[in-house]
Amino acid sequence: MNQDYVEWLVKRRDPVYAWPVRIVMGVLCLIALILAMTLAWGPLVLLAVGAATFFIFQALNVEYEYLYVDGTLSIDKILGKARRKKVLECSKDELMMMAPSDSYVLKDYETQGMKVINCSSGQKDAKTFSLIYQKGGQHTKVILEPNDRMIQAIRYTTPRKIVV
């Protein structure tokens, strides 16, 4: 087993408001199409509503890609299976602690005003881990859902900083 490279993809569960937003955007597209056929400035409205619908649909379809390579954890947010945004990049030196989210060990590392980034699927029965790292003076807590292979790879490179 290669401990140097582990990749894992997690699809975020659709939020509660996703389907109503999709329906509203579909209705707006139909109204804009009718306006485009009847009014002179209708095609501009159709173009604006179509572009807004495209970007909203992409923003509602989110996946997270975890990549662990040579002691560096990188998390990317993939929007609509097309666009990619870097959420974080954390080296093993910046990592302070990684443990299950309900672990008592994390209480010692949590600070007031800590930035929290949720990169999990959002499902209730998912086994989430919390990763706390420090970059500069800023402490950040990241909630993620790694697979067993990724946990073992992180444990292999930083055994004292991970609790399973």
Protein backbone atom coordinates (compact mmCIF):
# COMPACT_ATOMS: atom_id res chain seq x y z
CA MET A 1 0.00 0.00 0.00
CA ASN A 2 1.38 3.39 -1.01
CA GLN A 3 1.28 5.72 2.02
CA ASP A 4 2.44 8.76 0.06
CA TYR A 5 -0.70 9.40 -2.01
CA VAL A 6 -4.34 9.06 -0.91
CA GLU A 7 -7.33 10.64 -2.64
CA TRP A 8 -10.97 10.65 -1.49
CA LEU A 9 -14.10 12.33 -2.88
CA VAL A 10 -17.12 13.25 -0.72
CA LYS A 11 -20.38 14.55 -2.18
CA ARG A 12 -22.21 17.09 -0.05
CA ARG A 13 -25.84 16.36 0.63
CA ASP A 14 -28.18 18.89 -0.96
CA PRO A 15 -29.39 21.50 1.51
CA VAL A 16 -33.08 21.77 2.36
CA TYR A 17 -33.54 24.83 0.15
CA ALA A 18 -32.00 23.23 -2.98
CA TRP A 19 -35.15 21.91 -4.66
CA PRO A 20 -37.30 25.02 -4.06
CA VAL A 21 -34.49 27.18 -5.48
CA ARG A 22 -34.23 24.94 -8.55
CA ILE A 23 -37.97 25.12 -9.12
CA VAL A 24 -38.02 28.93 -8.73
CA MET A 25 -35.10 29.29 -11.17
CA GLY A 26 -36.89 27.05 -13.69
CA VAL A 27 -40.04 29.17 -13.45
CA LEU A 28 -37.97 32.35 -13.85
CA CYS A 29 -36.38 30.87 -16.98
CA LEU A 30 -39.82 30.16 -18.45
CA ILE A 31 -41.00 33.70 -17.68
CA ALA A 32 -37.80 35.13 -19.20
CA LEU A 33 -38.35 32.99 -22.32
CA ILE A 34 -41.86 34.40 -22.72
CA LEU A 35 -40.50 37.93 -22.23
CA ALA A 36 -37.79 37.28 -24.82
CA MET A 37 -40.45 36.44 -27.40
CA THR A 38 -42.64 39.44 -26.67
CA LEU A 39 -40.43 42.38 -25.63
CA ALA A 40 -37.46 44.06 -27.28
CA TRP A 41 -35.30 43.86 -24.14
CA GLY A 42 -36.54 40.32 -23.35
CA PRO A 43 -33.40 38.56 -24.69
CA LEU A 44 -31.29 40.49 -22.17
CA VAL A 45 -33.53 39.30 -19.35
CA LEU A 46 -33.34 35.73 -20.69
CA LEU A 47 -29.55 35.94 -20.84
CA ALA A 48 -29.28 37.29 -17.27
CA VAL A 49 -31.71 34.73 -15.82
CA GLY A 50 -30.03 31.90 -17.74
CA ALA A 51 -26.58 32.85 -16.45
CA ALA A 52 -27.88 33.17 -12.88
CA THR A 53 -29.57 29.77 -13.15
CA PHE A 54 -26.36 28.18 -14.43
CA PHE A 55 -24.26 29.51 -11.56
CA ILE A 56 -26.87 28.73 -8.91
CA PHE A 57 -27.20 25.13 -10.14
CA GLN A 58 -23.41 24.77 -10.00
CA ALA A 59 -23.28 26.20 -6.48
CA LEU A 60 -25.89 23.69 -5.30
CA ASN A 61 -23.90 20.67 -6.57
CA VAL A 62 -20.82 20.49 -4.31
CA GLU A 63 -18.19 17.79 -3.81
CA TYR A 64 -15.07 17.85 -1.67
CA GLU A 65 -11.84 16.20 -2.76
CA TYR A 66 -9.35 15.29 -0.04
CA LEU A 67 -5.81 14.70 -1.22
CA TYR A 68 -3.00 13.59 1.08
CA VAL A 69 0.43 13.65 -0.54
CA ASP A 70 3.77 13.44 1.29
CA GLY A 71 2.50 14.90 4.57
CA THR A 72 0.34 17.63 3.01
CA LEU A 73 -3.46 17.54 3.17
CA SER A 74 -5.22 19.49 0.45
CA ILE A 75 -9.00 19.95 0.29
CA ASP A 76 -10.68 21.25 -2.87
CA LYS A 77 -14.32 22.23 -3.30
CA ILE A 78 -15.68 21.10 -6.69
CA LEU A 79 -18.71 23.08 -7.87
CA GLY A 80 -20.98 21.49 -10.45
CA LYS A 81 -18.33 18.92 -11.37
CA ALA A 82 -16.63 21.67 -13.37
CA ARG A 83 -15.06 24.39 -11.23
CA ARG A 84 -12.54 23.78 -8.47
CA LYS A 85 -11.71 25.99 -5.49
CA LYS A 86 -8.94 25.37 -2.97
CA VAL A 87 -10.40 25.23 0.55
CA LEU A 88 -7.21 24.55 2.45
CA GLU A 89 -3.72 23.19 2.28
CA CYS A 90 -2.18 21.98 5.52
CA SER A 91 1.25 20.45 6.03
CA LYS A 92 2.03 17.97 8.79
CA ASP A 93 3.97 20.69 10.63
CA GLU A 94 0.88 22.95 10.81
CA LEU A 95 -1.38 20.11 11.97
CA MET A 96 -2.07 20.28 15.69
CA MET A 97 -4.63 17.49 16.21
CA MET A 98 -6.99 15.25 14.27
CA ALA A 99 -9.64 13.25 16.08
CA PRO A 100 -13.27 12.12 15.70
CA SER A 101 -15.56 15.13 15.94
CA ASP A 102 -17.17 13.91 19.16
CA SER A 103 -13.83 13.23 20.89
CA TYR A 104 -12.97 14.88 24.19
CA VAL A 105 -9.35 15.36 23.03
CA LEU A 106 -10.34 18.29 20.81
CA LYS A 107 -11.48 20.40 23.77
CA ASP A 108 -7.86 21.22 24.67
CA TYR A 109 -7.13 22.60 21.19
CA GLU A 110 -10.29 24.60 20.54
CA THR A 111 -9.90 28.34 21.07
CA GLN A 112 -12.21 31.33 21.20
CA GLY A 113 -12.99 32.75 17.74
CA MET A 114 -11.65 29.70 15.92
CA LYS A 115 -12.58 29.57 12.24
CA VAL A 116 -14.64 26.43 11.41
CA ILE A 117 -14.79 25.00 7.88
CA ASN A 118 -17.23 22.16 7.21
CA CYS A 119 -16.03 19.93 4.35
CA SER A 120 -18.20 16.93 5.14
CA SER A 121 -21.21 15.45 3.38
CA GLY A 122 -23.62 16.75 6.00
CA GLN A 123 -25.27 13.37 6.55
CA LYS A 124 -26.27 12.57 10.12
CA ASP A 125 -24.80 9.05 10.22
CA ALA A 126 -21.43 9.99 8.69
CA LYS A 127 -18.26 9.43 10.70
CA THR A 128 -16.62 12.85 10.76
CA PHE A 129 -13.21 13.90 11.97
CA SER A 130 -12.11 17.33 13.13
CA LEU A 131 -8.72 18.58 12.10
CA ILE A 132 -7.23 21.54 13.94
CA TYR A 133 -4.30 23.33 12.39
CA GLN A 134 -2.48 26.59 12.93
CA LYS A 135 -1.26 28.81 10.13
CA GLY A 136 0.41 31.90 11.47
CA GLY A 137 -1.58 32.98 14.50
CA GLN A 138 -4.93 31.72 13.16
CA HIS A 139 -6.33 28.42 14.43
CA THR A 140 -8.74 26.66 12.08
CA LYS A 141 -10.99 23.67 12.66
CA VAL A 142 -11.91 21.61 9.59
CA ILE A 143 -14.66 18.99 9.72
CA LEU A 144 -14.08 16.23 7.16
CA GLU A 145 -14.97 12.62 6.32
CA PRO A 146 -11.77 10.76 5.49
CA ASN A 147 -11.75 7.08 4.57
CA ASP A 148 -9.73 4.51 6.54
CA ARG A 149 -6.85 4.59 4.07
CA MET A 150 -6.43 8.36 4.49
CA ILE A 151 -6.57 8.09 8.28
CA GLN A 152 -3.86 5.43 8.20
CA ALA A 153 -1.68 7.56 5.88
CA ILE A 154 -1.96 10.58 8.19
CA ARG A 155 -1.33 8.36 11.18
CA TYR A 156 1.75 6.92 9.47
CA THR A 157 3.35 10.33 8.96
CA THR A 158 2.18 12.05 12.19
CA PRO A 159 1.34 9.34 14.75
CA ARG A 160 1.17 11.64 17.78
CA LYS A 161 -1.20 14.12 16.23
CA ILE A 162 -4.07 11.78 15.33
CA VAL A 163 -6.52 10.03 17.61
CA VAL A 164 -8.65 7.27 16.15
